Amino acid sequence: MLAEPYLSSTQVDTVVCLDGMETVGAFLAEVLMEPGSISVNGGSNISVVAPEQNQLGQMMFRDNTKRMIRRPFPGRNRLHINERQQKNSH
């Protein structure tokens, strides 16, 4: 399971989804947020964001999502997922 390494060890604030992995990222966040004795994220809110592409094909984040991926204070953790990572987890 993709969430196992993060359930009991890492407080995740944001899941950044690349390569069209938004659906997987949403399910991952849901699993991480489930209340339970081993989940350090239980009951927390986890943002799920994905970059857009500008006219030049470059990835960019809109102003309303930039705050979710910046690290304004220690302890804020982002989890990045992409298609290759998903294929390697099977």
C-alpha atoms as a PDB file:
ATOM      1  CA  MET A   1       0.000   0.000   0.000  1.00  0.00           C
ATOM      2  CA  LEU A   2       1.309   3.428  -0.962  1.00  0.00           C
ATOM      3  CA  ALA A   3       0.387   5.010   2.390  1.00  0.00           C
ATOM      4  CA  GLU A   4       2.068   2.475   4.685  1.00  0.00           C
ATOM      5  CA  PRO A   5       5.496   4.165   4.970  1.00  0.00           C
ATOM      6  CA  TYR A   6       3.819   7.408   6.102  1.00  0.00           C
ATOM      7  CA  LEU A   7       1.063   6.187   8.438  1.00  0.00           C
ATOM      8  CA  SER A   8       3.027   6.041  11.665  1.00  0.00           C
ATOM      9  CA  SER A   9       6.128   8.076  10.900  1.00  0.00           C
ATOM     10  CA  THR A  10       5.421  11.272   8.975  1.00  0.00           C
ATOM     11  CA  GLN A  11       2.978  14.115   9.504  1.00  0.00           C
ATOM     12  CA  VAL A  12       1.870  15.010   5.951  1.00  0.00           C
ATOM     13  CA  ASP A  13       0.339  18.430   5.274  1.00  0.00           C
ATOM     14  CA  THR A  14       0.165  18.393   1.468  1.00  0.00           C
ATOM     15  CA  VAL A  15       0.138  15.753  -1.265  1.00  0.00           C
ATOM     16  CA  VAL A  16       1.572  17.138  -4.525  1.00  0.00           C
ATOM     17  CA  CYS A  17       0.333  15.084  -7.491  1.00  0.00           C
ATOM     18  CA  LEU A  18       2.290  14.936 -10.744  1.00  0.00           C
ATOM     19  CA  ASP A  19       1.526  13.087 -14.004  1.00  0.00           C
ATOM     20  CA  GLY A  20      -2.262  13.154 -13.534  1.00  0.00           C
ATOM     21  CA  MET A  21      -2.165  11.348 -10.177  1.00  0.00           C
ATOM     22  CA  GLU A  22      -4.806  13.532  -8.499  1.00  0.00           C
ATOM     23  CA  THR A  23      -7.226  10.657  -7.904  1.00  0.00           C
ATOM     24  CA  VAL A  24      -4.511   8.509  -6.339  1.00  0.00           C
ATOM     25  CA  GLY A  25      -3.415  11.496  -4.242  1.00  0.00           C
ATOM     26  CA  ALA A  26      -6.957  12.026  -2.972  1.00  0.00           C
ATOM     27  CA  PHE A  27      -7.277   8.384  -1.904  1.00  0.00           C
ATOM     28  CA  LEU A  28      -3.820   8.510  -0.317  1.00  0.00           C
ATOM     29  CA  ALA A  29      -4.790  11.582   1.700  1.00  0.00           C
ATOM     30  CA  GLU A  30      -8.025   9.899   2.758  1.00  0.00           C
ATOM     31  CA  VAL A  31      -6.137   6.850   4.058  1.00  0.00           C
ATOM     32  CA  LEU A  32      -3.605   9.022   5.874  1.00  0.00           C
ATOM     33  CA  MET A  33      -6.360  11.067   7.549  1.00  0.00           C
ATOM     34  CA  GLU A  34      -8.271   8.077   8.922  1.00  0.00           C
ATOM     35  CA  PRO A  35      -8.307   8.143  12.709  1.00  0.00           C
ATOM     36  CA  GLY A  36      -6.423   5.236  14.171  1.00  0.00           C
ATOM     37  CA  SER A  37      -3.845   4.210  16.673  1.00  0.00           C
ATOM     38  CA  ILE A  38      -0.991   4.042  14.156  1.00  0.00           C
ATOM     39  CA  SER A  39      -1.795   7.098  12.026  1.00  0.00           C
ATOM     40  CA  VAL A  40       0.041  10.312  12.937  1.00  0.00           C
ATOM     41  CA  ASN A  41      -2.207  12.150  10.446  1.00  0.00           C
ATOM     42  CA  GLY A  42      -5.495  10.916  11.894  1.00  0.00           C
ATOM     43  CA  GLY A  43      -8.056  13.699  12.051  1.00  0.00           C
ATOM     44  CA  SER A  44      -5.769  16.160  10.240  1.00  0.00           C
ATOM     45  CA  ASN A  45      -6.520  18.043   7.051  1.00  0.00           C
ATOM     46  CA  ILE A  46      -4.289  17.184   4.097  1.00  0.00           C
ATOM     47  CA  SER A  47      -4.305  19.377   0.987  1.00  0.00           C
ATOM     48  CA  VAL A  48      -4.089  17.649  -2.404  1.00  0.00           C
ATOM     49  CA  VAL A  49      -2.700  19.861  -5.176  1.00  0.00           C
ATOM     50  CA  ALA A  50      -1.473  19.442  -8.740  1.00  0.00           C
ATOM     51  CA  PRO A  51       0.429  21.828 -10.977  1.00  0.00           C
ATOM     52  CA  GLU A  52      -0.988  23.292 -14.153  1.00  0.00           C
ATOM     53  CA  GLN A  53       0.910  23.937 -17.371  1.00  0.00           C
ATOM     54  CA  ASN A  54       1.428  27.401 -18.782  1.00  0.00           C
ATOM     55  CA  GLN A  55       1.565  28.288 -22.493  1.00  0.00           C
ATOM     56  CA  LEU A  56       5.205  27.148 -22.668  1.00  0.00           C
ATOM     57  CA  GLY A  57       4.432  23.726 -21.181  1.00  0.00           C
ATOM     58  CA  GLN A  58       6.086  24.571 -17.854  1.00  0.00           C
ATOM     59  CA  MET A  59       4.566  23.365 -14.592  1.00  0.00           C
ATOM     60  CA  MET A  60       3.192  26.117 -12.388  1.00  0.00           C
ATOM     61  CA  PHE A  61       1.084  26.504  -9.277  1.00  0.00           C
ATOM     62  CA  ARG A  62      -1.579  29.172  -9.038  1.00  0.00           C
ATOM     63  CA  ASP A  63      -1.380  31.729  -6.250  1.00  0.00           C
ATOM     64  CA  ASN A  64      -4.166  30.029  -4.259  1.00  0.00           C
ATOM     65  CA  THR A  65      -2.232  26.723  -4.116  1.00  0.00           C
ATOM     66  CA  LYS A  66       1.293  28.079  -3.614  1.00  0.00           C
ATOM     67  CA  ARG A  67       0.659  28.516   0.110  1.00  0.00           C
ATOM     68  CA  MET A  68       0.042  24.778   0.407  1.00  0.00           C
ATOM     69  CA  ILE A  69       3.423  23.815  -1.010  1.00  0.00           C
ATOM     70  CA  ARG A  70       5.644  26.445   0.593  1.00  0.00           C
ATOM     71  CA  ARG A  71       7.485  25.600   3.803  1.00  0.00           C
ATOM     72  CA  PRO A  72       6.897  28.614   6.045  1.00  0.00           C
ATOM     73  CA  PHE A  73       7.801  26.760   9.243  1.00  0.00           C
ATOM     74  CA  PRO A  74       9.670  23.600  10.275  1.00  0.00           C
ATOM     75  CA  GLY A  75       7.669  20.397  10.437  1.00  0.00           C
ATOM     76  CA  ARG A  76       5.518  21.054   7.394  1.00  0.00           C
ATOM     77  CA  ASN A  77       5.866  18.055   5.092  1.00  0.00           C
ATOM     78  CA  ARG A  78       4.856  17.547   1.475  1.00  0.00           C
ATOM     79  CA  LEU A  79       4.469  14.154  -0.156  1.00  0.00           C
ATOM     80  CA  HIS A  80       5.058  14.072  -3.923  1.00  0.00           C
ATOM     81  CA  ILE A  81       3.580  11.270  -6.006  1.00  0.00           C
ATOM     82  CA  ASN A  82       3.944  10.562  -9.698  1.00  0.00           C
ATOM     83  CA  GLU A  83       3.085   7.817 -12.164  1.00  0.00           C
ATOM     84  CA  ARG A  84       6.508   6.131 -11.942  1.00  0.00           C
ATOM     85  CA  GLN A  85       6.265   5.923  -8.149  1.00  0.00           C
ATOM     86  CA  GLN A  86       2.855   4.258  -8.441  1.00  0.00           C
ATOM     87  CA  LYS A  87       4.156   1.653 -10.919  1.00  0.00           C
ATOM     88  CA  ASN A  88       7.113   0.847  -8.650  1.00  0.00           C
ATOM     89  CA  SER A  89       4.861   0.212  -5.639  1.00  0.00           C
ATOM     90  CA  HIS A  90       3.152  -2.857  -7.198  1.00  0.00           C
END
